[in-house]
Amino acid sequence: MATVCFLCIICGFAFIAKEKFAIALYFLLSVLLIPAFWFGSAMAAHYFELGAYRVEPMQPFDIR
């Protein structure tokens, strides 16, 4: 995720240098939206107990 965000920043600045501000805004906005979507989906998975976030009750373990 960090690599993708770093590449989006580089592309955004490259488009600003070429004076294509509309395209640059999309790249720079994606730097904010990619981590927001990543953490938002992780929080939703945790809330709905999907995937690795499933909470299972503990079972007693008797050795007799």
C-alpha atoms as a PDB file:
ATOM      1  CA  MET A   1       0.000   0.000   0.000  1.00  0.00           C
ATOM      2  CA  ALA A   2       2.814   2.395   0.847  1.00  0.00           C
ATOM      3  CA  THR A   3       4.499   1.661  -2.476  1.00  0.00           C
ATOM      4  CA  VAL A   4       1.323   2.392  -4.412  1.00  0.00           C
ATOM      5  CA  CYS A   5       0.801   5.647  -2.504  1.00  0.00           C
ATOM      6  CA  PHE A   6       4.402   6.684  -3.122  1.00  0.00           C
ATOM      7  CA  LEU A   7       4.025   5.996  -6.849  1.00  0.00           C
ATOM      8  CA  CYS A   8       0.796   8.005  -6.927  1.00  0.00           C
ATOM      9  CA  ILE A   9       2.582  10.962  -5.317  1.00  0.00           C
ATOM     10  CA  ILE A  10       5.373  10.770  -7.895  1.00  0.00           C
ATOM     11  CA  CYS A  11       2.866  10.565 -10.763  1.00  0.00           C
ATOM     12  CA  GLY A  12       0.858  13.440  -9.307  1.00  0.00           C
ATOM     13  CA  PHE A  13       3.902  15.692  -9.140  1.00  0.00           C
ATOM     14  CA  ALA A  14       4.943  14.629 -12.643  1.00  0.00           C
ATOM     15  CA  PHE A  15       1.534  15.655 -14.020  1.00  0.00           C
ATOM     16  CA  ILE A  16       1.744  18.960 -12.127  1.00  0.00           C
ATOM     17  CA  ALA A  17       5.118  19.584 -13.801  1.00  0.00           C
ATOM     18  CA  LYS A  18       3.488  18.941 -17.182  1.00  0.00           C
ATOM     19  CA  GLU A  19       0.668  21.334 -16.208  1.00  0.00           C
ATOM     20  CA  LYS A  20      -2.042  18.687 -16.383  1.00  0.00           C
ATOM     21  CA  PHE A  21      -3.647  19.622 -13.084  1.00  0.00           C
ATOM     22  CA  ALA A  22      -6.882  17.642 -13.497  1.00  0.00           C
ATOM     23  CA  ILE A  23      -5.049  14.337 -13.830  1.00  0.00           C
ATOM     24  CA  ALA A  24      -2.649  15.295 -11.015  1.00  0.00           C
ATOM     25  CA  LEU A  25      -5.564  15.899  -8.673  1.00  0.00           C
ATOM     26  CA  TYR A  26      -6.851  12.380  -9.255  1.00  0.00           C
ATOM     27  CA  PHE A  27      -3.462  10.882  -8.385  1.00  0.00           C
ATOM     28  CA  LEU A  28      -3.028  13.042  -5.291  1.00  0.00           C
ATOM     29  CA  LEU A  29      -6.586  12.312  -4.141  1.00  0.00           C
ATOM     30  CA  SER A  30      -5.926   8.594  -4.514  1.00  0.00           C
ATOM     31  CA  VAL A  31      -3.037   8.947  -2.030  1.00  0.00           C
ATOM     32  CA  LEU A  32      -5.673   9.746   0.590  1.00  0.00           C
ATOM     33  CA  LEU A  33      -8.371   7.366  -0.598  1.00  0.00           C
ATOM     34  CA  ILE A  34      -6.272   4.194  -0.911  1.00  0.00           C
ATOM     35  CA  PRO A  35      -5.345   3.999   2.810  1.00  0.00           C
ATOM     36  CA  ALA A  36      -8.837   5.157   3.811  1.00  0.00           C
ATOM     37  CA  PHE A  37     -10.398   2.306   1.837  1.00  0.00           C
ATOM     38  CA  TRP A  38      -7.801  -0.168   3.143  1.00  0.00           C
ATOM     39  CA  PHE A  39      -8.367   0.623   6.824  1.00  0.00           C
ATOM     40  CA  GLY A  40     -12.102   1.106   6.357  1.00  0.00           C
ATOM     41  CA  SER A  41     -12.508  -2.345   4.843  1.00  0.00           C
ATOM     42  CA  ALA A  42     -10.379  -3.852   7.635  1.00  0.00           C
ATOM     43  CA  MET A  43     -12.584  -2.190  10.253  1.00  0.00           C
ATOM     44  CA  ALA A  44     -15.732  -3.427   8.485  1.00  0.00           C
ATOM     45  CA  ALA A  45     -14.326  -6.975   8.385  1.00  0.00           C
ATOM     46  CA  HIS A  46     -13.546  -6.744  12.086  1.00  0.00           C
ATOM     47  CA  TYR A  47     -17.036  -5.445  12.890  1.00  0.00           C
ATOM     48  CA  PHE A  48     -18.799  -8.182  10.905  1.00  0.00           C
ATOM     49  CA  GLU A  49     -16.274 -10.839  12.063  1.00  0.00           C
ATOM     50  CA  LEU A  50     -15.183 -11.803   8.557  1.00  0.00           C
ATOM     51  CA  GLY A  51     -11.972 -13.609   7.665  1.00  0.00           C
ATOM     52  CA  ALA A  52      -9.185 -13.700  10.221  1.00  0.00           C
ATOM     53  CA  TYR A  53     -11.145 -11.439  12.577  1.00  0.00           C
ATOM     54  CA  ARG A  54     -13.656 -14.101  13.567  1.00  0.00           C
ATOM     55  CA  VAL A  55     -14.069 -14.306  17.334  1.00  0.00           C
ATOM     56  CA  GLU A  56     -14.596 -17.863  18.524  1.00  0.00           C
ATOM     57  CA  PRO A  57     -15.555 -18.661  22.104  1.00  0.00           C
ATOM     58  CA  MET A  58     -13.011 -20.620  24.120  1.00  0.00           C
ATOM     59  CA  GLN A  59     -13.788 -24.236  24.962  1.00  0.00           C
ATOM     60  CA  PRO A  60     -12.751 -25.837  28.247  1.00  0.00           C
ATOM     61  CA  PHE A  61      -9.986 -28.409  27.902  1.00  0.00           C
ATOM     62  CA  ASP A  62     -10.167 -31.265  30.425  1.00  0.00           C
ATOM     63  CA  ILE A  63      -7.444 -33.899  30.725  1.00  0.00           C
ATOM     64  CA  ARG A  64      -8.603 -36.703  33.014  1.00  0.00           C
END
